[in-house]
Amino acid sequence: MRKFIKTTESIITPLEPRRAVIVGDECLVDVRFVESRSEAAGWLYEYEVTGEIGKVEKFFVRLKDIERKLD
């Protein structure tokens, strides 16, 4: 049986919690909302992402792609 290494990483993004959870489900990682705060440019949300290393990296890439489309 092959064991996969899991990691937990934090990320701060302007992506709303609902959309972050949907992207997390697509990337097969667990997304936990930590906090939100208001900045001059709008709201920022902090998440903890847990999953296999490659899947967490894929989640971060997908988030950055979505953020670029929002700008």
N, C-alpha and C. Protein backbone atom coordinates (compact mmCIF):
# COMPACT_ATOMS: atom_id res chain seq x y z
N MET A 1 0.83 -1.17 0.00
CA MET A 1 0.00 0.00 0.00
C MET A 1 0.89 1.25 0.00
N ARG A 2 0.56 2.16 -0.85
CA ARG A 2 1.35 3.39 -1.00
C ARG A 2 0.78 4.48 -0.10
N LYS A 3 1.64 5.11 0.69
CA LYS A 3 1.20 6.20 1.56
C LYS A 3 1.60 7.52 0.93
N PHE A 4 0.70 8.46 0.98
CA PHE A 4 0.94 9.77 0.41
C PHE A 4 1.26 10.75 1.54
N ILE A 5 2.15 11.66 1.27
CA ILE A 5 2.52 12.68 2.24
C ILE A 5 1.53 13.82 2.16
N LYS A 6 0.94 14.15 3.30
CA LYS A 6 -0.02 15.26 3.36
C LYS A 6 0.66 16.47 3.98
N THR A 7 0.21 17.63 3.56
CA THR A 7 0.75 18.88 4.07
C THR A 7 -0.40 19.84 4.34
N THR A 8 -0.14 20.80 5.21
CA THR A 8 -1.10 21.87 5.47
C THR A 8 -0.41 23.20 5.20
N GLU A 9 -0.99 23.99 4.33
CA GLU A 9 -0.43 25.29 3.95
C GLU A 9 -1.48 26.37 4.15
N SER A 10 -1.03 27.57 4.42
CA SER A 10 -1.93 28.73 4.55
C SER A 10 -1.83 29.59 3.30
N ILE A 11 -2.94 30.22 2.96
CA ILE A 11 -2.95 31.13 1.81
C ILE A 11 -3.93 32.26 2.10
N ILE A 12 -3.57 33.45 1.65
CA ILE A 12 -4.44 34.62 1.76
C ILE A 12 -4.78 35.05 0.34
N THR A 13 -6.06 35.19 0.07
CA THR A 13 -6.52 35.46 -1.29
C THR A 13 -7.82 36.28 -1.24
N PRO A 14 -8.11 37.03 -2.30
CA PRO A 14 -9.38 37.75 -2.34
C PRO A 14 -10.56 36.86 -2.79
N LEU A 15 -10.30 35.60 -3.07
CA LEU A 15 -11.34 34.69 -3.54
C LEU A 15 -12.31 34.35 -2.40
N GLU A 16 -13.60 34.48 -2.66
CA GLU A 16 -14.64 34.24 -1.66
C GLU A 16 -14.63 32.79 -1.17
N PRO A 17 -15.04 32.55 0.07
CA PRO A 17 -15.02 31.19 0.62
C PRO A 17 -15.78 30.16 -0.20
N ARG A 18 -16.94 30.52 -0.71
CA ARG A 18 -17.73 29.57 -1.50
C ARG A 18 -16.95 29.07 -2.71
N ARG A 19 -16.32 29.99 -3.42
CA ARG A 19 -15.55 29.62 -4.61
C ARG A 19 -14.29 28.85 -4.24
N ALA A 20 -13.65 29.21 -3.13
CA ALA A 20 -12.44 28.52 -2.70
C ALA A 20 -12.74 27.05 -2.36
N VAL A 21 -13.88 26.81 -1.74
CA VAL A 21 -14.27 25.44 -1.40
C VAL A 21 -14.55 24.63 -2.66
N ILE A 22 -15.18 25.23 -3.64
CA ILE A 22 -15.47 24.54 -4.90
C ILE A 22 -14.17 24.16 -5.60
N VAL A 23 -13.21 25.08 -5.67
CA VAL A 23 -11.91 24.78 -6.29
C VAL A 23 -11.18 23.71 -5.48
N GLY A 24 -11.28 23.76 -4.15
CA GLY A 24 -10.67 22.74 -3.30
C GLY A 24 -11.24 21.36 -3.57
N ASP A 25 -12.56 21.27 -3.75
CA ASP A 25 -13.18 19.98 -4.08
C ASP A 25 -12.69 19.46 -5.42
N GLU A 26 -12.54 20.35 -6.39
CA GLU A 26 -12.05 19.94 -7.71
C GLU A 26 -10.61 19.43 -7.63
N CYS A 27 -9.80 20.01 -6.74
CA CYS A 27 -8.39 19.63 -6.61
C CYS A 27 -8.17 18.54 -5.57
N LEU A 28 -9.26 18.06 -4.95
CA LEU A 28 -9.20 16.98 -3.95
C LEU A 28 -8.38 17.35 -2.72
N VAL A 29 -8.59 18.58 -2.22
CA VAL A 29 -7.95 19.03 -0.98
C VAL A 29 -9.04 19.55 -0.04
N ASP A 30 -8.71 19.60 1.25
CA ASP A 30 -9.61 20.16 2.25
C ASP A 30 -9.27 21.63 2.45
N VAL A 31 -10.27 22.48 2.38
CA VAL A 31 -10.07 23.92 2.56
C VAL A 31 -10.81 24.34 3.82
N ARG A 32 -10.09 24.98 4.74
CA ARG A 32 -10.70 25.46 5.97
C ARG A 32 -10.55 26.97 6.03
N PHE A 33 -11.68 27.65 6.16
CA PHE A 33 -11.68 29.11 6.27
C PHE A 33 -11.16 29.49 7.66
N VAL A 34 -10.20 30.43 7.71
CA VAL A 34 -9.62 30.86 8.98
C VAL A 34 -10.16 32.22 9.38
N GLU A 35 -9.99 33.23 8.53
CA GLU A 35 -10.49 34.57 8.86
C GLU A 35 -10.61 35.42 7.61
N SER A 36 -11.35 36.52 7.76
CA SER A 36 -11.45 37.51 6.69
C SER A 36 -11.11 38.87 7.28
N ARG A 37 -10.59 39.73 6.43
CA ARG A 37 -10.28 41.09 6.88
C ARG A 37 -10.45 42.05 5.71
N SER A 38 -10.83 43.25 6.07
CA SER A 38 -11.05 44.27 5.07
C SER A 38 -9.76 45.05 4.85
N GLU A 39 -9.37 45.17 3.61
CA GLU A 39 -8.20 45.96 3.21
C GLU A 39 -8.71 47.11 2.34
N ALA A 40 -7.82 48.02 2.00
CA ALA A 40 -8.20 49.16 1.17
C ALA A 40 -8.77 48.73 -0.18
N ALA A 41 -8.23 47.66 -0.75
CA ALA A 41 -8.65 47.20 -2.07
C ALA A 41 -9.85 46.25 -2.01
N GLY A 42 -10.29 45.88 -0.82
CA GLY A 42 -11.42 44.95 -0.70
C GLY A 42 -11.16 43.94 0.40
N TRP A 43 -11.86 42.83 0.35
CA TRP A 43 -11.74 41.80 1.37
C TRP A 43 -10.66 40.79 1.02
N LEU A 44 -9.94 40.32 2.04
CA LEU A 44 -8.99 39.23 1.90
C LEU A 44 -9.41 38.11 2.83
N TYR A 45 -9.26 36.88 2.36
CA TYR A 45 -9.66 35.70 3.12
C TYR A 45 -8.45 34.80 3.33
N GLU A 46 -8.33 34.25 4.54
CA GLU A 46 -7.23 33.33 4.82
C GLU A 46 -7.80 31.93 4.95
N TYR A 47 -7.11 30.98 4.32
CA TYR A 47 -7.52 29.58 4.33
C TYR A 47 -6.35 28.70 4.73
N GLU A 48 -6.66 27.54 5.33
CA GLU A 48 -5.69 26.47 5.51
C GLU A 48 -6.10 25.35 4.56
N VAL A 49 -5.14 24.90 3.78
CA VAL A 49 -5.39 23.88 2.77
C VAL A 49 -4.62 22.63 3.15
N THR A 50 -5.31 21.49 3.24
CA THR A 50 -4.69 20.23 3.62
C THR A 50 -4.92 19.21 2.52
N GLY A 51 -3.84 18.50 2.15
CA GLY A 51 -3.95 17.46 1.14
C GLY A 51 -2.57 16.99 0.72
N GLU A 52 -2.55 16.14 -0.28
CA GLU A 52 -1.29 15.66 -0.83
C GLU A 52 -0.54 16.83 -1.44
N ILE A 53 0.78 16.76 -1.38
CA ILE A 53 1.62 17.89 -1.78
C ILE A 53 1.30 18.38 -3.20
N GLY A 54 1.25 17.50 -4.16
CA GLY A 54 0.98 17.89 -5.54
C GLY A 54 -0.40 18.49 -5.72
N LYS A 55 -1.38 17.99 -4.98
CA LYS A 55 -2.74 18.51 -5.10
C LYS A 55 -2.87 19.89 -4.47
N VAL A 56 -2.14 20.13 -3.37
CA VAL A 56 -2.15 21.46 -2.76
C VAL A 56 -1.51 22.46 -3.72
N GLU A 57 -0.41 22.08 -4.35
CA GLU A 57 0.23 22.97 -5.33
C GLU A 57 -0.71 23.26 -6.50
N LYS A 58 -1.43 22.24 -6.95
CA LYS A 58 -2.40 22.43 -8.04
C LYS A 58 -3.50 23.40 -7.61
N PHE A 59 -3.94 23.31 -6.36
CA PHE A 59 -4.95 24.23 -5.82
C PHE A 59 -4.44 25.67 -5.85
N PHE A 60 -3.18 25.88 -5.42
CA PHE A 60 -2.61 27.23 -5.43
C PHE A 60 -2.53 27.79 -6.85
N VAL A 61 -2.16 26.97 -7.82
CA VAL A 61 -2.08 27.42 -9.21
C VAL A 61 -3.47 27.80 -9.72
N ARG A 62 -4.47 26.98 -9.40
CA ARG A 62 -5.84 27.29 -9.84
C ARG A 62 -6.34 28.59 -9.22
N LEU A 63 -6.03 28.81 -7.93
CA LEU A 63 -6.43 30.06 -7.29
C LEU A 63 -5.80 31.27 -7.97
N LYS A 64 -4.52 31.19 -8.27
CA LYS A 64 -3.83 32.30 -8.92
C LYS A 64 -4.42 32.57 -10.30
N ASP A 65 -4.78 31.51 -11.04
CA ASP A 65 -5.42 31.70 -12.34
C ASP A 65 -6.75 32.43 -12.19
N ILE A 66 -7.54 32.04 -11.22
CA ILE A 66 -8.84 32.68 -11.01
C ILE A 66 -8.64 34.14 -10.58
N GLU A 67 -7.65 34.39 -9.71
CA GLU A 67 -7.39 35.76 -9.27
C GLU A 67 -7.02 36.66 -10.44
N ARG A 68 -6.21 36.14 -11.38
CA ARG A 68 -5.83 36.94 -12.56
C ARG A 68 -7.06 37.28 -13.39
N LYS A 69 -8.00 36.35 -13.51
CA LYS A 69 -9.21 36.59 -14.29
C LYS A 69 -10.11 37.62 -13.62
N LEU A 70 -10.05 37.69 -12.28
CA LEU A 70 -10.88 38.66 -11.55
C LEU A 70 -10.36 40.08 -11.70
N ASP A 71 -9.05 40.25 -11.91
CA ASP A 71 -8.45 41.59 -12.01
C ASP A 71 -8.79 42.29 -13.29
